[in-house]
């Protein structure tokens, strides 16, 4: 009985240690610090541009980098390393080609055929039979030619009758009416979709969800803990209306940022030409657990669930 209790005690200790190890790894993943850093420079409508995005986990235990440089193709790509040792991309080992020498055949290089081989005899018979069939076909066509009968080569192909003028007009009218009906169906479908989206956006539930998303976005920026943010950009799309729309979208995000970054952000507009030049730098730290918890709270909200059910297809 004492031995059984000892075995059970050892198994319980092993299970508890495994459970503790799994719990420790889970907490480490959820609440371990992730550090991120981005930097980019744009010149001459992104013809000369370069950027770098790097994420490190647990103070460099795991790191991933993604870089782009329009001038240097070797610098463009993704790199993943653990404790400073690169695991992706793997270095290609130089493959040495082995030249295999062909074995020399001793004796004569002529092909010898054994006439007594049954396979050879069967091939010869098939060839002979095909030659006889060809001769018969040729003689049959010669007899038809002497008798004045039409041969396949001299048979005239029947010309297709051209459609009349009235039939052409009917076909064109039919094609026009078909295109008009298809266009009408598309317009009706578009009007139905726009009315559904208008009804969806004007509902009280959608406005409540927008307020929820705004609060969640503020919390997300707080969780991301942006420590450094500087931007000096000039944006131009070539169309004044589109440029104003883009700048308005960027300006709508500024209230979610801390007030200390207002002086480090400078965004200009070029309403006449296509332009994108300047620099951007972002640096910060976050944990995965609070982000997942925030996403779960937003998803479990009753208003958000109702909005997802009412979302037009």
Protein backbone atom coordinates (compact mmCIF):
# COMPACT_ATOMS: atom_id res chain seq x y z
CA UNK A 1 0.00 0.00 0.00
CA UNK A 2 2.86 2.36 0.80
CA UNK A 3 4.45 1.74 -2.63
CA UNK A 4 1.17 2.59 -4.40
CA UNK A 5 0.83 5.82 -2.42
CA UNK A 6 4.46 6.70 -3.27
CA UNK A 7 3.79 6.15 -7.01
CA UNK A 8 0.61 8.24 -6.84
CA UNK A 9 2.51 10.98 -5.04
CA UNK A 10 5.22 11.02 -7.73
CA UNK A 11 2.58 11.13 -10.52
CA UNK A 12 0.77 13.98 -8.77
CA UNK A 13 4.03 15.93 -8.45
CA UNK A 14 4.79 15.37 -12.16
CA UNK A 15 1.29 16.52 -13.18
CA UNK A 16 1.48 19.59 -10.93
CA UNK A 17 4.89 20.51 -12.31
CA UNK A 18 3.62 20.15 -15.89
CA UNK A 19 0.55 22.24 -15.08
CA UNK A 20 2.74 24.89 -13.44
CA UNK A 21 5.08 24.93 -16.45
CA UNK A 22 2.16 25.34 -18.88
CA UNK A 23 0.67 28.11 -16.72
CA UNK A 24 4.04 29.86 -16.51
CA UNK A 25 4.49 29.72 -20.31
CA UNK A 26 0.94 30.98 -20.86
CA UNK A 27 1.44 33.93 -18.49
CA UNK A 28 4.81 34.62 -20.10
CA UNK A 29 3.19 34.81 -23.55
CA UNK A 30 0.25 36.94 -22.38
CA UNK A 31 2.13 39.38 -20.16
CA UNK A 32 5.68 39.23 -21.55
CA UNK A 33 6.77 42.60 -22.98
CA UNK A 34 6.81 43.13 -26.74
CA UNK A 35 8.89 46.05 -27.98
CA UNK A 36 8.35 47.51 -31.44
CA UNK A 37 10.13 50.10 -33.50
CA UNK A 38 9.40 51.48 -36.96
CA UNK A 39 11.23 53.98 -39.12
CA UNK A 40 10.54 55.05 -42.71
CA UNK A 41 11.74 57.62 -45.20
CA UNK A 42 9.94 58.58 -48.41
CA UNK A 43 11.31 60.53 -51.37
CA UNK A 44 10.08 61.32 -54.87
CA UNK A 45 6.64 59.62 -54.65
CA UNK A 46 8.11 56.50 -52.97
CA UNK A 47 10.54 55.87 -55.84
CA UNK A 48 13.33 56.28 -53.29
CA UNK A 49 12.00 54.88 -50.03
CA UNK A 50 13.18 52.68 -47.21
CA UNK A 51 11.58 51.37 -44.05
CA UNK A 52 12.24 49.04 -41.14
CA UNK A 53 9.83 47.36 -38.71
CA UNK A 54 11.24 45.35 -35.80
CA UNK A 55 9.50 43.51 -32.94
CA UNK A 56 11.38 41.94 -30.02
CA UNK A 57 9.98 39.73 -27.28
CA UNK A 58 11.41 39.33 -23.75
CA UNK A 59 14.24 41.82 -24.27
CA UNK A 60 15.59 40.16 -27.42
CA UNK A 61 14.84 36.49 -26.75
CA UNK A 62 12.78 36.44 -29.95
CA UNK A 63 13.07 39.12 -32.62
CA UNK A 64 11.61 39.68 -36.06
CA UNK A 65 12.55 42.35 -38.61
CA UNK A 66 11.01 43.38 -41.91
CA UNK A 67 12.87 45.83 -44.10
CA UNK A 68 12.40 47.48 -47.46
CA UNK A 69 14.75 49.58 -49.53
CA UNK A 70 13.97 50.49 -53.13
CA UNK A 71 17.67 50.99 -53.91
CA UNK A 72 19.05 47.80 -52.31
CA UNK A 73 17.21 44.56 -53.03
CA UNK A 74 19.48 42.58 -50.69
CA UNK A 75 18.23 44.62 -47.72
CA UNK A 76 14.57 43.89 -48.50
CA UNK A 77 13.02 40.94 -46.66
CA UNK A 78 12.07 39.37 -43.33
CA UNK A 79 14.47 38.08 -40.67
CA UNK A 80 13.57 36.03 -37.58
CA UNK A 81 16.08 35.12 -34.86
CA UNK A 82 16.09 33.49 -31.43
CA UNK A 83 18.75 34.65 -28.93
CA UNK A 84 20.63 36.29 -31.81
CA UNK A 85 20.74 33.14 -33.97
CA UNK A 86 18.90 33.50 -37.26
CA UNK A 87 16.28 30.87 -38.02
CA UNK A 88 14.73 32.55 -41.08
CA UNK A 89 15.73 32.84 -43.87
CA UNK A 90 17.93 29.79 -43.88
CA UNK A 91 21.24 30.11 -45.64
CA UNK A 92 21.44 28.08 -48.83
CA UNK A 93 24.26 25.61 -48.77
CA UNK A 94 26.30 25.53 -51.92
CA UNK A 95 25.55 22.33 -53.70
CA UNK A 96 28.54 20.72 -55.37
CA UNK A 97 27.72 19.11 -58.64
CA UNK A 98 29.05 15.60 -59.04
CA UNK A 99 30.04 14.68 -62.56
CA UNK A 100 29.27 11.06 -63.16
CA UNK A 101 31.33 9.44 -65.86
CA UNK A 102 29.48 7.32 -68.32
CA UNK A 103 30.56 3.70 -68.24
CA UNK A 104 32.43 2.64 -71.32
CA UNK A 105 30.89 -0.22 -73.26
CA UNK A 106 33.37 -2.78 -74.34
CA UNK A 107 33.11 -4.27 -77.78
CA UNK A 108 31.31 -3.04 -80.87
CA UNK A 109 29.01 -0.03 -80.72
CA UNK A 110 26.64 -1.46 -83.38
CA UNK A 111 23.14 -2.56 -82.40
CA UNK A 112 22.63 -6.26 -82.89
CA UNK A 113 19.12 -7.54 -83.64
CA UNK A 114 18.15 -11.10 -82.96
CA UNK A 115 15.78 -12.18 -85.76
CA UNK A 116 14.53 -15.05 -83.66
CA UNK A 117 13.25 -12.64 -80.99
CA UNK A 118 9.39 -12.86 -80.89
CA UNK A 119 9.02 -9.12 -80.08
CA UNK A 120 10.97 -8.20 -83.19
CA UNK A 121 8.87 -10.56 -85.33
CA UNK A 122 5.60 -9.02 -84.01
CA UNK A 123 6.81 -5.46 -84.76
CA UNK A 124 7.80 -6.50 -88.30
CA UNK A 125 4.37 -8.06 -88.90
CA UNK A 126 2.54 -4.93 -87.69
CA UNK A 127 4.65 -2.74 -89.97
CA UNK A 128 3.96 -5.01 -92.92
CA UNK A 129 0.19 -5.00 -92.29
CA UNK A 130 0.08 -1.19 -92.05
CA UNK A 131 1.94 -0.91 -95.39
CA UNK A 132 -0.62 -3.21 -97.02
CA UNK A 133 -3.53 -1.12 -95.68
CA UNK A 134 -1.95 2.06 -97.06
CA UNK A 135 -1.54 0.47 -100.51
CA UNK A 136 -5.22 -0.64 -100.50
CA UNK A 137 -6.41 2.86 -99.56
CA UNK A 138 -4.29 4.40 -102.31
CA UNK A 139 -5.64 1.96 -104.94
CA UNK A 140 -9.24 2.67 -103.78
CA UNK A 141 -8.79 6.41 -104.27
CA UNK A 142 -7.21 5.83 -107.70
CA UNK A 143 -10.26 3.74 -108.79
CA UNK A 144 -12.65 6.48 -107.67
CA UNK A 145 -10.59 9.02 -109.57
CA UNK A 146 -10.70 6.97 -112.81
CA UNK A 147 -14.48 6.48 -112.49
CA UNK A 148 -14.98 10.25 -112.14
CA UNK A 149 -16.37 10.05 -108.63
CA UNK A 150 -15.52 12.90 -106.20
CA UNK A 151 -12.69 12.18 -103.82
CA UNK A 152 -12.57 13.68 -100.27
CA UNK A 153 -10.00 16.22 -101.36
CA UNK A 154 -12.21 17.47 -104.21
CA UNK A 155 -15.49 17.61 -102.29
CA UNK A 156 -16.72 21.20 -102.13
CA UNK A 157 -17.61 22.60 -98.76
CA UNK A 158 -21.10 24.01 -98.46
CA UNK A 159 -21.08 27.75 -97.93
CA UNK A 160 -23.05 29.04 -95.01
CA UNK A 161 -25.91 31.32 -95.86
CA UNK A 162 -25.38 34.87 -94.73
CA UNK A 163 -28.09 36.18 -92.42
CA UNK A 164 -30.51 38.65 -93.93
CA UNK A 165 -30.60 42.36 -93.12
CA UNK A 166 -33.75 42.02 -91.01
CA UNK A 167 -32.24 39.17 -89.01
CA UNK A 168 -29.15 41.29 -88.27
CA UNK A 169 -31.36 44.11 -87.00
CA UNK A 170 -33.33 41.67 -84.82
CA UNK A 171 -30.14 40.22 -83.33
CA UNK A 172 -28.77 43.68 -82.56
CA UNK A 173 -32.05 44.77 -80.99
CA UNK A 174 -32.11 41.60 -78.89
CA UNK A 175 -28.53 42.21 -77.70
CA UNK A 176 -29.40 45.83 -76.84
CA UNK A 177 -32.47 44.79 -74.84
CA UNK A 178 -30.47 42.10 -72.98
CA UNK A 179 -27.78 44.63 -72.02
CA UNK A 180 -30.46 47.11 -70.93
CA UNK A 181 -32.16 44.50 -68.69
CA UNK A 182 -28.79 43.51 -67.15
CA UNK A 183 -27.98 47.16 -66.49
CA UNK A 184 -31.40 47.69 -64.92
CA UNK A 185 -30.87 44.68 -62.62
CA UNK A 186 -27.46 46.00 -61.55
CA UNK A 187 -28.87 49.47 -60.81
CA UNK A 188 -31.74 48.00 -58.77
CA UNK A 189 -29.31 45.78 -56.87
CA UNK A 190 -27.01 48.75 -56.16
CA UNK A 191 -29.96 50.85 -54.94
CA UNK A 192 -31.06 48.01 -52.66
CA UNK A 193 -27.55 47.64 -51.19
CA UNK A 194 -27.18 51.39 -50.62
CA UNK A 195 -30.58 51.58 -48.91
CA UNK A 196 -29.64 48.65 -46.64
CA UNK A 197 -26.32 50.27 -45.70
CA UNK A 198 -28.01 53.64 -45.11
CA UNK A 199 -30.55 51.99 -42.84
CA UNK A 200 -27.75 50.15 -41.03
CA UNK A 201 -25.64 53.29 -40.49
CA UNK A 202 -28.60 55.40 -39.33
CA UNK A 203 -29.73 52.90 -36.68
CA UNK A 204 -29.28 53.72 -32.99
CA UNK A 205 -27.43 50.46 -32.35
CA UNK A 206 -24.76 51.35 -34.92
CA UNK A 207 -24.18 54.75 -33.28
CA UNK A 208 -23.84 53.03 -29.91
CA UNK A 209 -21.28 50.62 -31.38
CA UNK A 210 -19.30 53.52 -32.85
CA UNK A 211 -19.03 55.04 -29.36
CA UNK A 212 -17.87 51.64 -28.02
CA UNK A 213 -15.22 51.35 -30.75
CA UNK A 214 -13.95 54.88 -29.99
CA UNK A 215 -13.47 54.01 -26.31
CA UNK A 216 -11.79 50.72 -27.25
CA UNK A 217 -9.45 52.55 -29.65
CA UNK A 218 -8.41 54.97 -26.90
CA UNK A 219 -7.69 52.05 -24.57
CA UNK A 220 -5.73 50.32 -27.31
CA UNK A 221 -3.46 53.33 -27.83
CA UNK A 222 -2.95 53.44 -24.06
CA UNK A 223 -2.03 49.71 -23.99
CA UNK A 224 0.40 50.11 -26.89
CA UNK A 225 2.36 52.62 -24.77
CA UNK A 226 3.84 54.69 -27.57
CA UNK A 227 6.99 56.22 -26.13
CA UNK A 228 8.30 57.98 -29.21
CA UNK A 229 6.39 59.29 -32.22
CA UNK A 230 7.64 61.76 -34.77
CA UNK A 231 6.35 62.40 -38.27
CA UNK A 232 7.27 64.97 -40.90
CA UNK A 233 5.29 64.16 -44.04
CA UNK A 234 3.97 65.87 -47.14
CA UNK A 235 1.08 64.08 -48.83
CA UNK A 236 -0.47 64.71 -52.23
CA UNK A 237 -2.65 62.43 -54.37
CA UNK A 238 -2.97 64.67 -57.43
CA UNK A 239 -6.67 65.25 -56.71
CA UNK A 240 -7.51 68.02 -54.19
CA UNK A 241 -10.66 66.24 -52.97
CA UNK A 242 -8.87 62.92 -52.34
CA UNK A 243 -5.97 64.70 -50.65
CA UNK A 244 -8.37 66.51 -48.32
CA UNK A 245 -10.17 63.23 -47.55
CA UNK A 246 -6.85 61.52 -46.65
CA UNK A 247 -5.75 64.39 -44.41
CA UNK A 248 -9.16 64.41 -42.72
CA UNK A 249 -8.82 60.69 -41.93
CA UNK A 250 -5.35 61.25 -40.43
CA UNK A 251 -6.58 64.25 -38.40
CA UNK A 252 -9.44 62.15 -36.96
CA UNK A 253 -6.87 59.81 -35.38
CA UNK A 254 -4.87 62.56 -33.65
CA UNK A 255 -7.27 63.00 -30.68
CA UNK A 256 -6.61 59.38 -29.68
CA UNK A 257 -2.89 60.09 -29.25
CA UNK A 258 -1.34 61.58 -26.11
CA UNK A 259 -1.00 65.38 -26.15
CA UNK A 260 2.79 65.19 -25.85
CA UNK A 261 3.04 64.02 -29.49
CA UNK A 262 1.13 66.96 -30.97
CA UNK A 263 4.33 68.99 -31.31
CA UNK A 264 6.31 66.15 -32.94
CA UNK A 265 3.79 65.51 -35.74
CA UNK A 266 3.86 67.71 -38.83
CA UNK A 267 1.78 66.71 -41.86
CA UNK A 268 1.57 68.95 -44.91
CA UNK A 269 -0.50 68.73 -48.08
CA UNK A 270 0.26 69.22 -51.77
CA UNK A 271 -3.10 69.80 -53.51
CA UNK A 272 -1.63 70.16 -57.01
CA UNK A 273 0.87 67.31 -57.48
CA UNK A 274 1.31 63.69 -56.48
CA UNK A 275 3.76 63.70 -53.60
CA UNK A 276 4.83 61.61 -50.64
CA UNK A 277 8.05 62.49 -48.91
CA UNK A 278 9.25 62.84 -45.35
CA UNK A 279 10.08 60.57 -42.41
CA UNK A 280 8.22 58.62 -39.73
CA UNK A 281 9.46 57.09 -36.46
CA UNK A 282 7.47 55.11 -33.87
CA UNK A 283 8.74 53.32 -30.80
CA UNK A 284 6.83 51.61 -27.97
CA UNK A 285 6.01 48.53 -25.91
CA UNK A 286 2.91 46.41 -25.25
CA UNK A 287 1.66 43.14 -23.76
CA UNK A 288 -0.52 40.66 -25.58
CA UNK A 289 -2.85 39.84 -22.67
CA UNK A 290 -4.57 43.25 -22.26
CA UNK A 291 -5.14 43.49 -26.04
CA UNK A 292 -6.85 40.08 -26.15
CA UNK A 293 -8.92 40.97 -23.09
CA UNK A 294 -10.04 44.25 -24.70
CA UNK A 295 -10.97 42.46 -27.94
CA UNK A 296 -12.97 39.85 -25.97
CA UNK A 297 -14.90 42.57 -24.10
CA UNK A 298 -15.78 44.36 -27.32
CA UNK A 299 -16.87 41.11 -29.00
CA UNK A 300 -19.04 40.06 -26.03
CA UNK A 301 -20.87 43.38 -25.94
CA UNK A 302 -24.60 42.98 -26.73
CA UNK A 303 -24.70 46.03 -29.02
CA UNK A 304 -21.75 44.75 -31.06
CA UNK A 305 -23.35 41.30 -31.38
CA UNK A 306 -26.59 42.89 -32.54
CA UNK A 307 -24.67 45.04 -35.04
CA UNK A 308 -22.90 41.98 -36.47
CA UNK A 309 -26.28 40.26 -36.91
CA UNK A 310 -27.74 43.33 -38.64
CA UNK A 311 -24.69 43.79 -40.91
CA UNK A 312 -25.82 43.78 -44.60
CA UNK A 313 -24.49 40.93 -46.72
